[in-house]
Every structure is written in structure tokens, then in C-alpha cells.
C-alpha atoms as a PDB file:
ATOM      1  CA  MET A   1    -111.659 -36.380  16.309  1.00  0.00           C
ATOM      2  CA  LEU A   2    -111.306 -34.035  19.250  1.00  0.00           C
ATOM      3  CA  ASP A   3    -113.899 -31.375  20.003  1.00  0.00           C
ATOM      4  CA  ALA A   4    -112.755 -27.788  20.547  1.00  0.00           C
ATOM      5  CA  ASN A   5    -113.528 -28.056  24.263  1.00  0.00           C
ATOM      6  CA  ILE A   6    -111.056 -30.936  24.585  1.00  0.00           C
ATOM      7  CA  TRP A   7    -108.293 -28.966  22.880  1.00  0.00           C
ATOM      8  CA  VAL A   8    -109.090 -25.942  25.044  1.00  0.00           C
ATOM      9  CA  SER A   9    -109.013 -28.068  28.195  1.00  0.00           C
ATOM     10  CA  TYR A  10    -105.481 -29.264  27.440  1.00  0.00           C
ATOM     11  CA  LEU A  11    -104.334 -25.805  26.364  1.00  0.00           C
ATOM     12  CA  ILE A  12    -105.572 -23.870  29.396  1.00  0.00           C
ATOM     13  CA  THR A  13    -104.073 -26.437  31.767  1.00  0.00           C
ATOM     14  CA  GLU A  14    -100.798 -26.373  29.823  1.00  0.00           C
ATOM     15  CA  THR A  15    -100.987 -30.135  29.260  1.00  0.00           C
ATOM     16  CA  GLU A  16    -101.156 -30.043  25.468  1.00  0.00           C
ATOM     17  CA  GLN A  17     -97.932 -32.072  25.333  1.00  0.00           C
ATOM     18  CA  LYS A  18     -99.752 -34.913  27.121  1.00  0.00           C
ATOM     19  CA  LEU A  19    -102.341 -34.864  24.336  1.00  0.00           C
ATOM     20  CA  VAL A  20     -99.686 -34.720  21.617  1.00  0.00           C
ATOM     21  CA  ASP A  21     -97.904 -37.664  23.276  1.00  0.00           C
ATOM     22  CA  ILE A  22    -101.143 -39.696  23.282  1.00  0.00           C
ATOM     23  CA  ILE A  23    -101.629 -38.949  19.584  1.00  0.00           C
ATOM     24  CA  VAL A  24     -98.023 -39.814  18.663  1.00  0.00           C
ATOM     25  CA  ASP A  25     -97.625 -42.835  20.969  1.00  0.00           C
ATOM     26  CA  ASN A  26    -100.814 -44.422  19.632  1.00  0.00           C
ATOM     27  CA  ASP A  27    -100.217 -43.411  16.007  1.00  0.00           C
ATOM     28  CA  LEU A  28    -103.617 -41.699  15.918  1.00  0.00           C
ATOM     29  CA  THR A  29    -104.751 -39.639  12.977  1.00  0.00           C
ATOM     30  CA  ILE A  30    -106.776 -36.775  14.412  1.00  0.00           C
ATOM     31  CA  PHE A  31    -108.578 -34.691  11.828  1.00  0.00           C
ATOM     32  CA  ARG A  32    -109.318 -30.988  11.928  1.00  0.00           C
ATOM     33  CA  CYS A  33    -111.270 -28.662   9.728  1.00  0.00           C
ATOM     34  CA  ASP A  34    -111.291 -24.894   9.455  1.00  0.00           C
ATOM     35  CA  GLU A  35    -114.503 -24.782  11.480  1.00  0.00           C
ATOM     36  CA  LEU A  36    -112.724 -26.460  14.410  1.00  0.00           C
ATOM     37  CA  LEU A  37    -109.819 -24.010  14.317  1.00  0.00           C
ATOM     38  CA  VAL A  38    -112.241 -21.084  14.263  1.00  0.00           C
ATOM     39  CA  GLU A  39    -114.124 -22.519  17.245  1.00  0.00           C
ATOM     40  CA  ILE A  40    -110.934 -23.104  19.255  1.00  0.00           C
ATOM     41  CA  ALA A  41    -109.813 -19.513  18.666  1.00  0.00           C
ATOM     42  CA  ARG A  42    -113.278 -18.191  19.511  1.00  0.00           C
ATOM     43  CA  VAL A  43    -113.449 -20.153  22.768  1.00  0.00           C
ATOM     44  CA  LEU A  44    -109.919 -19.165  23.813  1.00  0.00           C
ATOM     45  CA  ASN A  45    -111.028 -15.541  23.404  1.00  0.00           C
ATOM     46  CA  TYR A  46    -113.854 -15.907  25.943  1.00  0.00           C
ATOM     47  CA  PRO A  47    -113.379 -13.337  28.718  1.00  0.00           C
ATOM     48  CA  ARG A  48    -113.523 -16.072  31.396  1.00  0.00           C
ATOM     49  CA  LEU A  49    -110.545 -17.837  29.786  1.00  0.00           C
ATOM     50  CA  LYS A  50    -108.338 -14.742  29.464  1.00  0.00           C
ATOM     51  CA  LYS A  51    -106.859 -15.467  32.925  1.00  0.00           C
ATOM     52  CA  TYR A  52    -105.089 -18.516  31.452  1.00  0.00           C
ATOM     53  CA  GLU A  53    -103.157 -16.274  29.055  1.00  0.00           C
ATOM     54  CA  VAL A  54    -103.126 -18.843  26.280  1.00  0.00           C
ATOM     55  CA  ASP A  55    -101.112 -17.731  23.268  1.00  0.00           C
ATOM     56  CA  ILE A  56    -103.772 -18.320  20.612  1.00  0.00           C
ATOM     57  CA  PRO A  57    -101.436 -18.397  17.581  1.00  0.00           C
ATOM     58  CA  TYR A  58     -99.275 -20.946  19.458  1.00  0.00           C
ATOM     59  CA  ALA A  59    -102.380 -22.957  20.407  1.00  0.00           C
ATOM     60  CA  LEU A  60    -103.574 -23.112  16.801  1.00  0.00           C
ATOM     61  CA  LYS A  61    -100.063 -24.109  15.695  1.00  0.00           C
ATOM     62  CA  VAL A  62    -100.132 -27.019  18.177  1.00  0.00           C
ATOM     63  CA  VAL A  63    -103.499 -28.142  16.834  1.00  0.00           C
ATOM     64  CA  ARG A  64    -102.359 -27.856  13.214  1.00  0.00           C
ATOM     65  CA  LYS A  65     -99.153 -29.812  13.862  1.00  0.00           C
ATOM     66  CA  ALA A  66    -100.947 -32.594  15.754  1.00  0.00           C
ATOM     67  CA  THR A  67    -103.772 -33.063  13.252  1.00  0.00           C
ATOM     68  CA  ALA A  68    -104.492 -33.818   9.634  1.00  0.00           C
ATOM     69  CA  PRO A  69    -106.452 -31.219   7.650  1.00  0.00           C
ATOM     70  CA  TYR A  70    -109.800 -32.102   6.162  1.00  0.00           C
ATOM     71  CA  GLU A  71    -112.239 -29.969   4.170  1.00  0.00           C
ATOM     72  CA  LEU A  72    -115.834 -30.748   5.050  1.00  0.00           C
ATOM     73  CA  THR A  73    -118.329 -31.536   2.322  1.00  0.00           C
ATOM     74  CA  TYR A  74    -121.420 -29.365   2.520  1.00  0.00           C
ATOM     75  CA  PRO A  75    -124.321 -29.307   3.120  1.00  0.00           C
ATOM     76  CA  ILE A  76    -123.979 -30.827   6.580  1.00  0.00           C
ATOM     77  CA  LYS A  77    -126.900 -32.815   7.949  1.00  0.00           C
ATOM     78  CA  ARG A  78    -128.481 -32.119  11.330  1.00  0.00           C
ATOM     79  CA  TYR A  79    -127.056 -34.496  13.926  1.00  0.00           C
ATOM     80  CA  ILE A  80    -127.404 -32.537  17.174  1.00  0.00           C
ATOM     81  CA  PRO A  81    -130.992 -31.274  17.482  1.00  0.00           C
ATOM     82  CA  THR A  82    -130.188 -28.941  20.391  1.00  0.00           C
ATOM     83  CA  ASP A  83    -127.181 -27.201  18.807  1.00  0.00           C
ATOM     84  CA  LYS A  84    -126.665 -26.979  15.050  1.00  0.00           C
ATOM     85  CA  ASP A  85    -123.209 -25.476  15.668  1.00  0.00           C
ATOM     86  CA  ASP A  86    -122.031 -28.936  16.785  1.00  0.00           C
ATOM     87  CA  ASP A  87    -123.144 -30.685  13.596  1.00  0.00           C
ATOM     88  CA  TYR A  88    -119.828 -30.037  11.843  1.00  0.00           C
ATOM     89  CA  LEU A  89    -118.040 -32.160  14.479  1.00  0.00           C
ATOM     90  CA  ILE A  90    -120.210 -35.183  13.777  1.00  0.00           C
ATOM     91  CA  ALA A  91    -119.835 -34.569  10.045  1.00  0.00           C
ATOM     92  CA  LEU A  92    -116.051 -34.405  10.411  1.00  0.00           C
ATOM     93  CA  ALA A  93    -115.951 -37.714  12.258  1.00  0.00           C
ATOM     94  CA  LEU A  94    -118.257 -39.402   9.761  1.00  0.00           C
ATOM     95  CA  GLN A  95    -116.695 -37.959   6.613  1.00  0.00           C
ATOM     96  CA  THR A  96    -113.205 -38.992   7.741  1.00  0.00           C
ATOM     97  CA  SER A  97    -114.274 -42.349   9.227  1.00  0.00           C
ATOM     98  CA  ALA A  98    -112.460 -41.207  12.362  1.00  0.00           C
ATOM     99  CA  GLY A  99    -114.118 -43.828  14.538  1.00  0.00           C
ATOM    100  CA  PHE A 100    -114.510 -41.618  17.585  1.00  0.00           C
ATOM    101  CA  ILE A 101    -115.255 -38.138  18.849  1.00  0.00           C
ATOM    102  CA  THR A 102    -113.892 -36.998  22.170  1.00  0.00           C
ATOM    103  CA  SER A 103    -116.055 -34.273  23.635  1.00  0.00           C
ATOM    104  CA  GLY A 104    -117.177 -32.653  26.835  1.00  0.00           C
ATOM    105  CA  ASP A 105    -120.065 -30.883  25.122  1.00  0.00           C
ATOM    106  CA  LYS A 106    -123.370 -31.668  26.842  1.00  0.00           C
ATOM    107  CA  ASN A 107    -125.296 -31.509  23.558  1.00  0.00           C
ATOM    108  CA  ILE A 108    -123.057 -34.079  21.888  1.00  0.00           C
ATOM    109  CA  LEU A 109    -122.859 -36.320  24.959  1.00  0.00           C
ATOM    110  CA  SER A 110    -126.663 -36.275  25.295  1.00  0.00           C
ATOM    111  CA  GLU A 111    -126.904 -37.679  21.730  1.00  0.00           C
ATOM    112  CA  LYS A 112    -124.260 -40.381  22.339  1.00  0.00           C
ATOM    113  CA  ALA A 113    -126.637 -43.375  22.395  1.00  0.00           C
ATOM    114  CA  THR A 114    -128.608 -42.178  19.367  1.00  0.00           C
ATOM    115  CA  LEU A 115    -125.526 -41.417  17.277  1.00  0.00           C
ATOM    116  CA  GLU A 116    -123.698 -44.631  18.212  1.00  0.00           C
ATOM    117  CA  LYS A 117    -126.797 -46.680  17.386  1.00  0.00           C
ATOM    118  CA  LYS A 118    -127.257 -44.956  14.022  1.00  0.00           C
ATOM    119  CA  PHE A 119    -123.539 -44.965  13.091  1.00  0.00           C
ATOM    120  CA  LYS A 120    -122.152 -48.303  14.279  1.00  0.00           C
ATOM    121  CA  LYS A 121    -118.490 -47.366  13.698  1.00  0.00           C
ATOM    122  CA  LEU A 122    -118.744 -44.118  15.676  1.00  0.00           C
ATOM    123  CA  LYS A 123    -117.937 -43.918  19.380  1.00  0.00           C
ATOM    124  CA  ILE A 124    -118.343 -40.798  21.475  1.00  0.00           C
ATOM    125  CA  LEU A 125    -115.882 -40.542  24.352  1.00  0.00           C
ATOM    126  CA  THR A 126    -115.379 -38.198  27.247  1.00  0.00           C
ATOM    127  CA  LYS A 127    -111.893 -36.846  27.912  1.00  0.00           C
ATOM    128  CA  ALA A 128    -111.450 -39.358  30.745  1.00  0.00           C
ATOM    129  CA  GLU A 129    -112.517 -42.262  28.504  1.00  0.00           C
ATOM    130  CA  PHE A 130    -110.154 -41.066  25.757  1.00  0.00           C
ATOM    131  CA  GLU A 131    -107.222 -40.881  28.155  1.00  0.00           C
ATOM    132  CA  ALA A 132    -108.041 -44.293  29.677  1.00  0.00           C
ATOM    133  CA  MET A 133    -108.273 -45.862  26.233  1.00  0.00           C
ATOM    134  CA  PHE A 134    -105.038 -44.429  24.853  1.00  0.00           C
ATOM    135  CA  THR A 135    -102.745 -43.868  27.840  1.00  0.00           C
ATOM    136  CA  LYS A 136    -100.313 -46.705  28.360  1.00  0.00           C
END
């Protein structure tokens, strides 16, 4: 499971192929939900990111092609006390048994120890940890 900020990071630096290669080379199944696609599009529309001139339809196509769709089951529990908008990411990882979430979000990273203790099969990784783990 990759957070929207991870996708955006690869897209604005035009290194999305590196991410796709990691996914393919390691035979990873990365899940996405509609909420994630909406968040990626929303973030790419931020005025401060306009300078990167990311083609949003292309970006969403990359995400769709590199991921497996999943429809979240509602209601979603509260996992991130400081930002309920991040709860769907934890739910996606748990509902799909993804095993990990890669995120740069401070709210998610601040809950890393609590979430990993509560959900033994869940690991929360930074982008650097993800790349170190899966780059050959």
C-alpha cells in the first residue's frame, strides 16, 4: 500500500517508472481504492505543485495500471487520531492484508509504533525504507 504522497513524490520527480519497476521486479501487489485516486488528483492540483506540470490523467493511469483495485468496506474505524482523512489508508492496508504502508505523512508516521504493535502483520515504511527493502 502506497500513500498518495508517495505516488505524488514519484510523479513530480518523473521517476514513476522506478516505482513501477520496483513493483514489477518484486512481484508486489499494491492495492488502491477510489479514495486514494481522489487524493492523488487533489494533491496534484495543489497550486504549489502546478510548476511540475504533471499530466493528472496520465498520473492516474499509471497508478491504475500498477495497482489492484479494492473497494473499502465501511464504516472505517479511527486509526489516526490527528487526521481522520488518513484512516482510509490504514483500512485499505488492513482490509487487503497488504502487510505494509509506505508513507511520508507525519500523522501516519507518528502512529507507526502504536499501529505496528496493535496490528502485528502491518509495517509502516518511509519511502527510503521501501526503496531499500525492494531495490535489488
